[in-house]
């Protein structure tokens, strides 16, 4: 007879006190990009694993929300094409969602430094030459994987994935791997940034930048 499973931990009792690093309006730049860059550099310097990992949240055509982790692969600031860039299979669930509703949200979960950055914006497909340039820089194994995986589709099992990968290896043996037809990238152009800094007593700092016709407006949100 199987033993009873261990009880779930008491999640309500899990808590920690945050530091008093602070985030004041007087100390932030007029535009959010400089602050985002400063925080990213500090996260990277602290040795956080994959500091460019971010959550991308989308809405499906039927209104169902969905979120997943991807890797940020480019940043452009303070211009008509500013935004955060990532690459993916455009036939995936997120690709289908962004085709139907390009508005989306990003989250940088920098918990080791008691920080988060939320971004709201609109995703724009990248040009083919930008996609090709990045795809060509990927390791060959990742390039083959992009051909082998019908991302977000149901497969029979691991053996099917292994078979598809082996077929891709054979297909492109001794040749460069081209960009798959259903593979591309997006630039998320922000309309809102929110910088969250943990503080004692759950009195966290939350500063929001909202894009306006003349620049960025900074306001404080209650924790």
N, C-alpha and C. Protein backbone atom coordinates (compact mmCIF):
# COMPACT_ATOMS: atom_id res chain seq x y z
N UNK A 1 0.86 -1.19 0.00
CA UNK A 1 0.00 0.00 0.00
C UNK A 1 0.89 1.23 0.00
N UNK A 2 0.61 2.13 -0.91
CA UNK A 2 1.45 3.33 -1.02
C UNK A 2 1.25 4.23 0.19
N UNK A 3 2.34 4.83 0.61
CA UNK A 3 2.26 5.75 1.74
C UNK A 3 1.53 7.02 1.32
N UNK A 4 0.90 7.65 2.29
CA UNK A 4 0.22 8.92 2.01
C UNK A 4 1.26 9.96 1.60
N UNK A 5 0.93 10.78 0.61
CA UNK A 5 1.89 11.81 0.20
C UNK A 5 2.13 12.81 1.33
N UNK A 6 3.31 13.41 1.30
CA UNK A 6 3.63 14.42 2.30
C UNK A 6 2.68 15.60 2.16
N UNK A 7 2.29 16.21 3.25
CA UNK A 7 1.37 17.36 3.15
C UNK A 7 2.05 18.54 2.45
N UNK A 8 1.23 19.36 1.82
CA UNK A 8 1.76 20.56 1.20
C UNK A 8 2.32 21.48 2.28
N UNK A 9 3.35 22.27 1.94
CA UNK A 9 3.87 23.21 2.94
C UNK A 9 2.84 24.30 3.25
N UNK A 10 3.00 24.90 4.41
CA UNK A 10 2.11 25.99 4.81
C UNK A 10 2.54 27.25 4.09
N UNK A 11 1.97 27.46 2.91
CA UNK A 11 2.40 28.58 2.09
C UNK A 11 2.09 29.93 2.75
N UNK A 12 1.03 29.97 3.55
CA UNK A 12 0.68 31.24 4.19
C UNK A 12 1.75 31.68 5.19
N UNK A 13 2.54 30.72 5.67
CA UNK A 13 3.56 31.05 6.66
C UNK A 13 4.89 31.44 6.02
N UNK A 14 4.99 31.28 4.69
CA UNK A 14 6.23 31.63 4.01
C UNK A 14 6.27 33.13 3.78
N UNK A 15 7.18 33.80 4.41
CA UNK A 15 7.31 35.24 4.23
C UNK A 15 8.73 35.66 4.56
N UNK A 16 9.14 36.76 4.02
CA UNK A 16 10.44 37.32 4.33
C UNK A 16 10.30 38.84 4.37
N UNK A 17 11.17 39.46 5.11
CA UNK A 17 11.16 40.91 5.18
C UNK A 17 12.07 41.45 4.09
N UNK A 18 11.59 42.46 3.38
CA UNK A 18 12.38 43.05 2.32
C UNK A 18 13.28 44.14 2.88
N UNK A 19 14.29 44.50 2.10
CA UNK A 19 15.26 45.50 2.53
C UNK A 19 14.72 46.91 2.41
N UNK A 20 15.61 47.86 2.64
CA UNK A 20 15.19 49.26 2.62
C UNK A 20 15.96 50.04 1.56
N UNK A 21 16.22 49.36 0.42
CA UNK A 21 16.99 50.00 -0.65
C UNK A 21 16.28 51.25 -1.15
N UNK A 22 14.99 51.17 -1.40
CA UNK A 22 14.18 52.33 -1.74
C UNK A 22 14.26 52.75 -3.19
N UNK A 23 13.18 53.38 -3.65
CA UNK A 23 13.09 53.92 -5.00
C UNK A 23 12.25 55.19 -4.92
N UNK A 24 12.90 56.33 -4.99
CA UNK A 24 12.23 57.63 -4.83
C UNK A 24 12.14 58.35 -6.16
N UNK A 25 11.07 59.11 -6.32
CA UNK A 25 10.88 59.85 -7.56
C UNK A 25 12.05 60.79 -7.86
N UNK A 26 12.63 61.36 -6.83
CA UNK A 26 13.70 62.33 -7.03
C UNK A 26 14.96 61.71 -7.63
N UNK A 27 15.09 60.40 -7.51
CA UNK A 27 16.32 59.77 -7.97
C UNK A 27 16.22 59.01 -9.26
N UNK A 28 15.09 59.14 -9.98
CA UNK A 28 14.92 58.37 -11.22
C UNK A 28 15.02 59.29 -12.44
N UNK A 29 15.43 58.74 -13.58
CA UNK A 29 15.55 59.56 -14.80
C UNK A 29 14.18 59.90 -15.39
N UNK A 30 14.18 60.82 -16.34
CA UNK A 30 12.93 61.23 -16.96
C UNK A 30 12.32 60.12 -17.82
N UNK A 31 13.15 59.29 -18.42
CA UNK A 31 12.67 58.18 -19.25
C UNK A 31 13.01 56.86 -18.59
N UNK A 32 12.21 55.81 -18.80
CA UNK A 32 12.41 54.55 -18.08
C UNK A 32 13.61 53.74 -18.54
N UNK A 33 14.09 53.97 -19.76
CA UNK A 33 15.13 53.11 -20.30
C UNK A 33 16.42 53.14 -19.49
N UNK A 34 16.81 54.32 -19.03
CA UNK A 34 18.04 54.42 -18.24
C UNK A 34 17.92 53.66 -16.94
N UNK A 35 16.75 53.75 -16.31
CA UNK A 35 16.55 53.02 -15.06
C UNK A 35 16.53 51.52 -15.32
N UNK A 36 15.87 51.08 -16.39
CA UNK A 36 15.86 49.66 -16.71
C UNK A 36 17.28 49.16 -16.94
N UNK A 37 18.08 49.92 -17.69
CA UNK A 37 19.45 49.52 -17.97
C UNK A 37 20.27 49.44 -16.69
N UNK A 38 20.09 50.42 -15.80
CA UNK A 38 20.82 50.41 -14.53
C UNK A 38 20.47 49.18 -13.72
N UNK A 39 19.19 48.86 -13.62
CA UNK A 39 18.77 47.69 -12.86
C UNK A 39 19.27 46.41 -13.51
N UNK A 40 19.18 46.32 -14.84
CA UNK A 40 19.66 45.12 -15.51
C UNK A 40 21.15 44.92 -15.25
N UNK A 41 21.94 45.99 -15.35
CA UNK A 41 23.38 45.87 -15.11
C UNK A 41 23.66 45.39 -13.69
N UNK A 42 22.89 45.87 -12.73
CA UNK A 42 23.09 45.46 -11.34
C UNK A 42 22.69 44.00 -11.13
N UNK A 43 21.63 43.58 -11.80
CA UNK A 43 21.21 42.18 -11.71
C UNK A 43 22.27 41.27 -12.32
N UNK A 44 22.79 41.65 -13.48
CA UNK A 44 23.83 40.85 -14.14
C UNK A 44 25.09 40.80 -13.29
N UNK A 45 25.47 41.94 -12.70
CA UNK A 45 26.68 41.99 -11.88
C UNK A 45 26.53 41.15 -10.62
N UNK A 46 25.29 40.98 -10.15
CA UNK A 46 25.04 40.18 -8.96
C UNK A 46 25.09 38.68 -9.24
N UNK A 47 25.25 38.30 -10.50
CA UNK A 47 25.35 36.90 -10.84
C UNK A 47 24.03 36.16 -10.93
N UNK A 48 22.93 36.90 -11.09
CA UNK A 48 21.62 36.25 -11.22
C UNK A 48 21.59 35.40 -12.49
N UNK A 49 21.10 34.17 -12.37
CA UNK A 49 21.03 33.26 -13.52
C UNK A 49 20.10 33.81 -14.58
N UNK A 50 20.59 33.91 -15.80
CA UNK A 50 19.82 34.39 -16.94
C UNK A 50 19.04 35.67 -16.59
N UNK A 51 19.76 36.76 -16.39
CA UNK A 51 19.08 38.02 -16.05
C UNK A 51 18.16 38.51 -17.16
N UNK A 52 18.35 38.00 -18.38
CA UNK A 52 17.50 38.40 -19.50
C UNK A 52 16.25 37.54 -19.64
N UNK A 53 15.98 36.66 -18.68
CA UNK A 53 14.74 35.88 -18.70
C UNK A 53 13.57 36.79 -18.36
N UNK A 54 12.50 36.65 -19.11
CA UNK A 54 11.31 37.48 -18.86
C UNK A 54 10.06 36.66 -19.15
N UNK A 55 8.99 36.99 -18.46
CA UNK A 55 7.69 36.39 -18.70
C UNK A 55 6.99 37.21 -19.78
N UNK A 56 6.42 36.51 -20.77
CA UNK A 56 5.59 37.16 -21.78
C UNK A 56 4.15 36.69 -21.57
N UNK A 57 3.25 37.62 -21.31
CA UNK A 57 1.84 37.30 -21.10
C UNK A 57 1.03 37.77 -22.29
N UNK A 58 0.17 36.89 -22.80
CA UNK A 58 -0.65 37.19 -23.97
C UNK A 58 -2.10 36.79 -23.70
N UNK A 59 -2.96 37.14 -24.62
CA UNK A 59 -4.37 36.75 -24.56
C UNK A 59 -4.72 36.02 -25.84
N UNK A 60 -5.26 34.80 -25.71
CA UNK A 60 -5.65 34.01 -26.86
C UNK A 60 -6.86 34.62 -27.57
N UNK A 61 -7.12 34.23 -28.82
CA UNK A 61 -8.29 34.77 -29.53
C UNK A 61 -9.61 34.56 -28.79
N UNK A 62 -9.69 33.52 -27.95
CA UNK A 62 -10.93 33.28 -27.20
C UNK A 62 -10.94 33.98 -25.85
N UNK A 63 -9.92 34.82 -25.59
CA UNK A 63 -9.87 35.60 -24.36
C UNK A 63 -9.12 34.95 -23.22
N UNK A 64 -8.59 33.75 -23.42
CA UNK A 64 -7.87 33.06 -22.35
C UNK A 64 -6.46 33.63 -22.20
N UNK A 65 -6.04 33.98 -20.98
CA UNK A 65 -4.68 34.48 -20.79
C UNK A 65 -3.68 33.34 -20.78
N UNK A 66 -2.44 33.66 -21.11
CA UNK A 66 -1.37 32.67 -21.12
C UNK A 66 -0.06 33.39 -20.85
N UNK A 67 0.85 32.73 -20.13
CA UNK A 67 2.15 33.33 -19.82
C UNK A 67 3.22 32.26 -19.89
N UNK A 68 4.42 32.68 -20.30
CA UNK A 68 5.55 31.77 -20.38
C UNK A 68 6.84 32.57 -20.29
N UNK A 69 7.93 31.86 -19.98
CA UNK A 69 9.24 32.50 -19.87
C UNK A 69 9.97 32.39 -21.20
N UNK A 70 10.55 33.51 -21.63
CA UNK A 70 11.41 33.53 -22.81
C UNK A 70 12.66 34.33 -22.47
N UNK A 71 13.61 34.37 -23.40
CA UNK A 71 14.83 35.13 -23.19
C UNK A 71 14.82 36.40 -24.04
N UNK A 72 15.05 37.52 -23.39
CA UNK A 72 15.19 38.79 -24.08
C UNK A 72 16.47 38.76 -24.91
N UNK A 73 16.36 39.15 -26.18
CA UNK A 73 17.52 39.09 -27.07
C UNK A 73 17.93 40.43 -27.65
N UNK A 74 17.26 41.51 -27.28
CA UNK A 74 17.65 42.81 -27.78
C UNK A 74 16.84 43.91 -27.12
N UNK A 75 17.46 45.10 -27.00
CA UNK A 75 16.79 46.27 -26.43
C UNK A 75 17.16 47.47 -27.29
N UNK A 76 16.17 48.26 -27.65
CA UNK A 76 16.40 49.52 -28.33
C UNK A 76 15.64 50.60 -27.56
N UNK A 77 16.32 51.71 -27.26
CA UNK A 77 15.73 52.71 -26.37
C UNK A 77 15.60 54.07 -27.06
N UNK A 78 14.59 54.81 -26.59
CA UNK A 78 14.45 56.23 -26.92
C UNK A 78 14.46 56.50 -28.41
N UNK A 79 13.60 55.82 -29.15
CA UNK A 79 13.48 56.07 -30.58
C UNK A 79 12.16 55.55 -31.10
N UNK A 80 11.89 55.75 -32.38
CA UNK A 80 10.60 55.28 -32.94
C UNK A 80 10.47 53.77 -32.96
N UNK A 81 11.60 53.06 -32.88
CA UNK A 81 11.57 51.60 -32.88
C UNK A 81 12.06 51.04 -31.54
N UNK A 82 11.83 51.77 -30.46
CA UNK A 82 12.29 51.29 -29.17
C UNK A 82 11.48 50.06 -28.76
N UNK A 83 12.08 49.23 -27.92
CA UNK A 83 11.34 48.06 -27.47
C UNK A 83 12.24 46.90 -27.08
N UNK A 84 11.60 45.82 -26.62
CA UNK A 84 12.27 44.61 -26.18
C UNK A 84 12.04 43.51 -27.23
N UNK A 85 13.11 42.83 -27.63
CA UNK A 85 13.05 41.86 -28.71
C UNK A 85 13.21 40.43 -28.22
N UNK A 86 12.38 39.53 -28.74
CA UNK A 86 12.56 38.10 -28.49
C UNK A 86 12.18 37.34 -29.75
N UNK A 87 12.59 36.08 -29.81
CA UNK A 87 12.37 35.23 -30.98
C UNK A 87 11.64 33.96 -30.57
N UNK A 88 10.85 33.41 -31.51
CA UNK A 88 10.07 32.23 -31.19
C UNK A 88 9.50 31.62 -32.46
N UNK A 89 8.87 30.46 -32.31
CA UNK A 89 8.09 29.85 -33.38
C UNK A 89 6.79 30.64 -33.50
N UNK A 90 6.55 31.24 -34.66
CA UNK A 90 5.36 32.07 -34.81
C UNK A 90 4.08 31.24 -34.88
N UNK A 91 4.20 29.92 -35.05
CA UNK A 91 3.04 29.05 -35.02
C UNK A 91 2.71 28.54 -33.63
N UNK A 92 3.47 28.96 -32.63
CA UNK A 92 3.24 28.53 -31.25
C UNK A 92 2.00 29.21 -30.69
N UNK A 93 1.65 28.86 -29.46
CA UNK A 93 0.47 29.48 -28.85
C UNK A 93 0.66 30.99 -28.72
N UNK A 94 1.86 31.42 -28.30
CA UNK A 94 2.07 32.86 -28.15
C UNK A 94 2.07 33.56 -29.50
N UNK A 95 2.58 32.87 -30.55
CA UNK A 95 2.55 33.45 -31.87
C UNK A 95 1.13 33.66 -32.37
N UNK A 96 0.28 32.67 -32.17
CA UNK A 96 -1.12 32.78 -32.57
C UNK A 96 -1.82 33.87 -31.77
N UNK A 97 -1.50 33.96 -30.48
CA UNK A 97 -2.12 34.98 -29.63
C UNK A 97 -1.71 36.38 -30.09
N UNK A 98 -0.42 36.58 -30.37
CA UNK A 98 0.05 37.90 -30.77
C UNK A 98 -0.47 38.29 -32.15
N UNK A 99 -0.72 37.31 -33.01
CA UNK A 99 -1.29 37.62 -34.32
C UNK A 99 -2.71 38.15 -34.18
N UNK A 100 -3.45 37.62 -33.19
CA UNK A 100 -4.82 38.05 -32.98
C UNK A 100 -4.93 39.29 -32.11
N UNK A 101 -4.04 39.40 -31.11
CA UNK A 101 -4.05 40.53 -30.19
C UNK A 101 -2.61 40.88 -29.84
N UNK A 102 -2.03 41.89 -30.51
CA UNK A 102 -0.61 42.20 -30.29
C UNK A 102 -0.31 42.86 -28.96
N UNK A 103 -1.33 43.33 -28.25
CA UNK A 103 -1.05 43.89 -26.92
C UNK A 103 -0.65 42.77 -25.97
N UNK A 104 0.39 43.02 -25.19
CA UNK A 104 0.92 41.98 -24.31
C UNK A 104 1.60 42.64 -23.12
N UNK A 105 2.11 41.81 -22.22
CA UNK A 105 2.81 42.31 -21.04
C UNK A 105 4.07 41.47 -20.82
N UNK A 106 5.10 42.12 -20.28
CA UNK A 106 6.35 41.46 -19.93
C UNK A 106 6.59 41.63 -18.44
N UNK A 107 7.34 40.70 -17.87
CA UNK A 107 7.73 40.80 -16.46
C UNK A 107 9.15 40.30 -16.31
N UNK A 108 10.01 41.13 -15.72
CA UNK A 108 11.37 40.75 -15.37
C UNK A 108 11.39 40.45 -13.87
N UNK A 109 11.50 39.16 -13.48
CA UNK A 109 11.38 38.77 -12.06
C UNK A 109 12.74 38.72 -11.37
N UNK A 110 13.27 39.87 -11.02
CA UNK A 110 14.61 39.94 -10.44
C UNK A 110 14.55 39.84 -8.92
N UNK A 111 14.05 38.71 -8.44
CA UNK A 111 13.80 38.52 -7.01
C UNK A 111 15.05 38.60 -6.14
N UNK A 112 16.23 38.09 -6.58
CA UNK A 112 17.39 38.17 -5.69
C UNK A 112 17.74 39.60 -5.26
N UNK A 113 17.39 40.58 -6.07
CA UNK A 113 17.61 41.97 -5.70
C UNK A 113 16.33 42.64 -5.23
N UNK A 114 15.30 41.83 -4.94
CA UNK A 114 14.02 42.31 -4.44
C UNK A 114 13.40 43.32 -5.40
N UNK A 115 13.46 42.98 -6.69
CA UNK A 115 12.97 43.88 -7.72
C UNK A 115 12.13 43.14 -8.75
N UNK A 116 11.22 43.87 -9.35
CA UNK A 116 10.49 43.41 -10.53
C UNK A 116 10.34 44.61 -11.47
N UNK A 117 10.27 44.33 -12.76
CA UNK A 117 9.89 45.36 -13.73
C UNK A 117 8.77 44.79 -14.58
N UNK A 118 7.65 45.48 -14.59
CA UNK A 118 6.52 45.11 -15.45
C UNK A 118 6.49 46.05 -16.64
N UNK A 119 6.14 45.51 -17.80
CA UNK A 119 6.06 46.30 -19.03
C UNK A 119 4.76 45.94 -19.74
N UNK A 120 4.03 46.94 -20.20
CA UNK A 120 2.87 46.72 -21.05
C UNK A 120 3.15 47.38 -22.39
N UNK A 121 2.77 46.73 -23.47
CA UNK A 121 3.04 47.31 -24.78
C UNK A 121 2.41 46.51 -25.89
N UNK A 122 2.88 46.77 -27.11
CA UNK A 122 2.35 46.13 -28.31
C UNK A 122 3.49 45.44 -29.06
N UNK A 123 3.26 44.19 -29.44
CA UNK A 123 4.27 43.40 -30.14
C UNK A 123 4.18 43.63 -31.65
N UNK A 124 5.32 43.89 -32.27
CA UNK A 124 5.40 44.08 -33.71
C UNK A 124 6.34 43.02 -34.28
N UNK A 125 5.94 42.30 -35.34
CA UNK A 125 6.84 41.31 -35.94
C UNK A 125 8.11 41.98 -36.47
N UNK A 126 9.23 41.30 -36.33
CA UNK A 126 10.49 41.81 -36.84
C UNK A 126 10.62 41.52 -38.33
N UNK A 127 11.43 42.33 -38.99
CA UNK A 127 11.67 42.14 -40.42
C UNK A 127 12.44 40.84 -40.65
N UNK A 128 12.27 40.26 -41.84
CA UNK A 128 12.90 38.98 -42.15
C UNK A 128 14.42 39.04 -42.02
N UNK A 129 15.03 40.17 -42.39
CA UNK A 129 16.48 40.25 -42.29
C UNK A 129 16.97 40.25 -40.84
N UNK A 130 16.17 40.83 -39.94
CA UNK A 130 16.54 40.79 -38.52
C UNK A 130 16.41 39.38 -37.98
N UNK A 131 15.37 38.68 -38.38
CA UNK A 131 15.17 37.30 -37.94
C UNK A 131 16.31 36.42 -38.47
N UNK A 132 16.66 36.59 -39.75
CA UNK A 132 17.71 35.77 -40.34
C UNK A 132 19.05 36.02 -39.68
N UNK A 133 19.33 37.29 -39.34
CA UNK A 133 20.61 37.62 -38.71
C UNK A 133 20.72 36.95 -37.35
N UNK A 134 19.65 36.98 -36.57
CA UNK A 134 19.71 36.34 -35.25
C UNK A 134 19.75 34.82 -35.38
N UNK A 135 18.92 34.28 -36.26
CA UNK A 135 18.89 32.82 -36.42
C UNK A 135 20.27 32.30 -36.81
N UNK A 136 20.98 33.03 -37.66
CA UNK A 136 22.30 32.62 -38.09
C UNK A 136 23.33 32.64 -36.98
N UNK A 137 23.05 33.39 -35.90
CA UNK A 137 23.98 33.45 -34.78
C UNK A 137 23.74 32.35 -33.75
N UNK A 138 22.64 31.60 -33.88
CA UNK A 138 22.30 30.58 -32.88
C UNK A 138 23.20 29.35 -33.06
N UNK A 139 23.43 28.60 -31.98
CA UNK A 139 24.15 27.33 -32.12
C UNK A 139 23.40 26.41 -33.09
N UNK A 140 24.16 25.58 -33.78
CA UNK A 140 23.54 24.71 -34.78
C UNK A 140 22.47 23.82 -34.15
N UNK A 141 22.72 23.33 -32.96
CA UNK A 141 21.73 22.48 -32.31
C UNK A 141 20.40 23.19 -32.12
N UNK A 142 20.45 24.47 -31.75
CA UNK A 142 19.22 25.24 -31.58
C UNK A 142 18.54 25.48 -32.92
N UNK A 143 19.34 25.68 -33.97
CA UNK A 143 18.76 25.85 -35.30
C UNK A 143 18.02 24.59 -35.73
N UNK A 144 18.64 23.42 -35.52
CA UNK A 144 17.97 22.17 -35.87
C UNK A 144 16.72 21.95 -35.03
N UNK A 145 16.81 22.32 -33.75
CA UNK A 145 15.65 22.17 -32.89
C UNK A 145 14.47 23.01 -33.36
N UNK A 146 14.75 24.18 -33.95
CA UNK A 146 13.67 25.02 -34.46
C UNK A 146 12.94 24.34 -35.61
N UNK A 147 13.64 23.53 -36.40
CA UNK A 147 13.00 22.76 -37.46
C UNK A 147 12.28 21.53 -36.90
N UNK A 148 12.84 20.95 -35.85
CA UNK A 148 12.31 19.67 -35.35
C UNK A 148 11.06 19.83 -34.51
N UNK A 149 10.91 20.96 -33.83
CA UNK A 149 9.83 21.10 -32.86
C UNK A 149 8.62 21.84 -33.43
N UNK A 150 7.45 21.20 -33.50
CA UNK A 150 6.22 21.90 -33.85
C UNK A 150 5.65 22.57 -32.59
N UNK A 151 6.25 23.63 -32.18
CA UNK A 151 6.05 24.21 -30.85
C UNK A 151 4.58 24.38 -30.50
N UNK A 152 4.23 23.97 -29.30
CA UNK A 152 2.89 24.06 -28.70
C UNK A 152 1.91 23.03 -29.23
N UNK A 153 2.31 22.22 -30.22
CA UNK A 153 1.43 21.18 -30.73
C UNK A 153 1.62 19.87 -29.94
N UNK A 154 0.57 19.07 -29.88
CA UNK A 154 0.64 17.78 -29.19
C UNK A 154 1.50 16.82 -30.01
N UNK A 155 2.42 16.11 -29.34
CA UNK A 155 3.24 15.08 -29.99
C UNK A 155 3.04 13.76 -29.26
N UNK A 156 3.37 12.66 -29.94
CA UNK A 156 3.10 11.34 -29.39
C UNK A 156 3.97 11.02 -28.18
N UNK A 157 5.16 11.58 -28.12
CA UNK A 157 6.07 11.30 -27.02
C UNK A 157 7.46 11.81 -27.34
N UNK A 158 8.40 11.53 -26.43
CA UNK A 158 9.76 11.98 -26.62
C UNK A 158 10.39 11.36 -27.87
N UNK A 159 10.02 10.12 -28.16
CA UNK A 159 10.59 9.44 -29.31
C UNK A 159 10.28 10.19 -30.61
N UNK A 160 9.09 10.77 -30.69
CA UNK A 160 8.75 11.53 -31.89
C UNK A 160 9.64 12.76 -32.03
N UNK A 161 9.89 13.45 -30.92
CA UNK A 161 10.77 14.62 -30.98
C UNK A 161 12.18 14.23 -31.39
N UNK A 162 12.68 13.14 -30.81
CA UNK A 162 14.02 12.66 -31.17
C UNK A 162 14.09 12.29 -32.65
N UNK A 163 13.02 11.66 -33.15
CA UNK A 163 12.99 11.29 -34.57
C UNK A 163 13.00 12.54 -35.45
N UNK A 164 12.22 13.52 -35.09
CA UNK A 164 12.15 14.75 -35.89
C UNK A 164 13.49 15.47 -35.88
N UNK A 165 14.19 15.45 -34.72
CA UNK A 165 15.50 16.10 -34.64
C UNK A 165 16.50 15.37 -35.54
N UNK A 166 16.50 14.04 -35.50
CA UNK A 166 17.40 13.26 -36.34
C UNK A 166 17.13 13.52 -37.81
N UNK A 167 15.86 13.65 -38.17
CA UNK A 167 15.52 13.96 -39.56
C UNK A 167 16.05 15.32 -39.98
N UNK A 168 16.00 16.29 -39.06
CA UNK A 168 16.54 17.62 -39.37
C UNK A 168 18.06 17.56 -39.54
N UNK A 169 18.71 16.76 -38.69
CA UNK A 169 20.17 16.59 -38.83
C UNK A 169 20.52 16.03 -40.21
N UNK A 170 19.78 15.00 -40.63
CA UNK A 170 20.03 14.38 -41.93
C UNK A 170 19.72 15.35 -43.07
N UNK A 171 18.66 16.08 -42.94
CA UNK A 171 18.22 16.98 -44.01
C UNK A 171 19.25 18.07 -44.30
N UNK A 172 19.88 18.59 -43.23
CA UNK A 172 20.80 19.71 -43.41
C UNK A 172 22.26 19.32 -43.19
N UNK A 173 22.55 18.03 -43.28
CA UNK A 173 23.92 17.56 -43.08
C UNK A 173 24.86 18.24 -44.09
N UNK A 174 25.93 18.82 -43.57
CA UNK A 174 26.92 19.45 -44.43
C UNK A 174 26.50 20.77 -45.04
N UNK A 175 25.40 21.35 -44.55
CA UNK A 175 24.90 22.61 -45.11
C UNK A 175 24.47 23.53 -43.98
N UNK A 176 24.38 24.81 -44.31
CA UNK A 176 23.84 25.77 -43.35
C UNK A 176 22.36 25.48 -43.12
N UNK A 177 21.91 25.77 -41.90
CA UNK A 177 20.50 25.56 -41.56
C UNK A 177 19.74 26.85 -41.83
N UNK A 178 18.77 26.85 -42.73
CA UNK A 178 18.01 28.07 -43.02
C UNK A 178 16.97 28.36 -41.94
N UNK A 179 16.41 29.53 -41.99
CA UNK A 179 15.35 29.91 -41.05
C UNK A 179 14.08 29.14 -41.39
N UNK A 180 13.47 28.45 -40.44
CA UNK A 180 12.21 27.75 -40.73
C UNK A 180 11.12 28.75 -41.11
N UNK A 181 10.17 28.33 -41.93
CA UNK A 181 9.09 29.25 -42.33
C UNK A 181 8.30 29.79 -41.13
N UNK A 182 8.06 28.94 -40.14
CA UNK A 182 7.27 29.36 -38.97
C UNK A 182 8.17 29.73 -37.81
N UNK A 183 9.09 30.65 -38.05
CA UNK A 183 9.99 31.09 -36.99
C UNK A 183 10.26 32.57 -37.21
N UNK A 184 10.20 33.34 -36.14
CA UNK A 184 10.37 34.78 -36.29
C UNK A 184 10.66 35.45 -34.97
N UNK A 185 10.44 36.75 -34.95
CA UNK A 185 10.72 37.51 -33.74
C UNK A 185 9.75 38.66 -33.60
N UNK A 186 9.76 39.25 -32.40
CA UNK A 186 8.85 40.35 -32.09
C UNK A 186 9.61 41.43 -31.33
N UNK A 187 9.18 42.66 -31.55
CA UNK A 187 9.63 43.77 -30.72
C UNK A 187 8.42 44.28 -29.95
N UNK A 188 8.50 44.28 -28.63
CA UNK A 188 7.42 44.79 -27.80
C UNK A 188 7.73 46.25 -27.49
N UNK A 189 6.94 47.15 -28.07
CA UNK A 189 7.14 48.59 -27.84
C UNK A 189 6.32 49.00 -26.63
N UNK A 190 6.98 49.44 -25.56
CA UNK A 190 6.27 49.68 -24.31
C UNK A 190 5.41 50.94 -24.34
N UNK A 191 4.30 50.86 -23.64
CA UNK A 191 3.49 52.03 -23.32
C UNK A 191 3.53 52.33 -21.83
N UNK A 192 3.86 51.30 -21.04
CA UNK A 192 3.92 51.44 -19.57
C UNK A 192 5.08 50.61 -19.04
N UNK A 193 5.84 51.20 -18.11
CA UNK A 193 6.82 50.49 -17.28
C UNK A 193 6.37 50.62 -15.83
N UNK A 194 6.56 49.58 -15.05
CA UNK A 194 6.42 49.70 -13.60
C UNK A 194 7.63 49.08 -12.92
N UNK A 195 8.31 49.89 -12.13
CA UNK A 195 9.49 49.44 -11.38
C UNK A 195 9.06 49.21 -9.93
N UNK A 196 9.30 47.98 -9.47
CA UNK A 196 8.88 47.55 -8.13
C UNK A 196 10.12 47.24 -7.31
N UNK A 197 10.24 47.87 -6.14
CA UNK A 197 11.35 47.64 -5.22
C UNK A 197 10.79 47.24 -3.87
N UNK A 198 11.22 46.08 -3.35
CA UNK A 198 10.74 45.61 -2.06
C UNK A 198 11.17 46.53 -0.92
N UNK A 199 10.25 46.73 0.04
CA UNK A 199 10.53 47.56 1.21
C UNK A 199 9.98 46.88 2.46
N UNK A 200 10.48 47.26 3.65
CA UNK A 200 9.99 46.64 4.89
C UNK A 200 8.49 46.89 5.10
N UNK A 201 7.87 45.97 5.84
CA UNK A 201 6.46 46.10 6.17
C UNK A 201 5.54 46.02 4.98
N UNK A 202 6.02 45.45 3.89
CA UNK A 202 5.25 45.35 2.64
C UNK A 202 4.88 46.73 2.08
N UNK A 203 5.59 47.77 2.50
CA UNK A 203 5.36 49.11 1.96
C UNK A 203 6.29 49.33 0.77
N UNK A 204 6.11 48.51 -0.25
CA UNK A 204 7.01 48.49 -1.40
C UNK A 204 6.91 49.78 -2.21
N UNK A 205 7.97 50.09 -2.93
CA UNK A 205 7.96 51.21 -3.87
C UNK A 205 7.52 50.71 -5.24
N UNK A 206 6.59 51.43 -5.85
CA UNK A 206 6.12 51.13 -7.20
C UNK A 206 6.04 52.43 -7.99
N UNK A 207 6.95 52.59 -8.93
CA UNK A 207 6.93 53.78 -9.79
C UNK A 207 6.55 53.36 -11.19
N UNK A 208 5.55 54.06 -11.73
CA UNK A 208 5.04 53.74 -13.07
C UNK A 208 5.40 54.86 -14.04
N UNK A 209 5.95 54.46 -15.19
CA UNK A 209 6.18 55.37 -16.31
C UNK A 209 5.11 55.08 -17.36
N UNK A 210 4.35 56.09 -17.78
CA UNK A 210 3.35 55.93 -18.83
C UNK A 210 3.75 56.82 -20.01
N UNK A 211 3.76 56.23 -21.20
CA UNK A 211 4.14 56.99 -22.39
C UNK A 211 3.05 58.01 -22.73
N UNK A 212 3.44 59.23 -23.01
CA UNK A 212 2.53 60.28 -23.43
C UNK A 212 3.02 60.86 -24.75
N UNK A 213 2.27 61.78 -25.32
CA UNK A 213 2.66 62.39 -26.58
C UNK A 213 3.95 63.18 -26.46
N UNK A 214 4.25 63.66 -25.26
CA UNK A 214 5.44 64.50 -25.06
C UNK A 214 6.58 63.81 -24.32
N UNK A 215 6.41 62.52 -23.99
CA UNK A 215 7.47 61.82 -23.26
C UNK A 215 6.89 60.79 -22.32
N UNK A 216 7.39 60.77 -21.08
CA UNK A 216 6.96 59.79 -20.09
C UNK A 216 6.48 60.51 -18.82
N UNK A 217 5.38 60.05 -18.28
CA UNK A 217 4.84 60.58 -17.04
C UNK A 217 5.10 59.57 -15.92
N UNK A 218 5.67 60.03 -14.81
CA UNK A 218 6.01 59.15 -13.68
C UNK A 218 5.01 59.37 -12.55
N UNK A 219 4.42 58.28 -12.08
CA UNK A 219 3.52 58.34 -10.94
C UNK A 219 3.86 57.20 -9.98
N UNK A 220 3.44 57.36 -8.73
CA UNK A 220 3.66 56.33 -7.70
C UNK A 220 2.36 55.56 -7.48
N UNK A 221 2.47 54.24 -7.39
CA UNK A 221 1.35 53.38 -7.08
C UNK A 221 1.47 52.87 -5.65
N UNK A 222 0.35 52.74 -4.97
CA UNK A 222 0.37 52.18 -3.63
C UNK A 222 0.72 50.69 -3.70
N UNK A 223 1.45 50.18 -2.69
CA UNK A 223 1.78 48.76 -2.72
C UNK A 223 0.57 47.91 -2.39
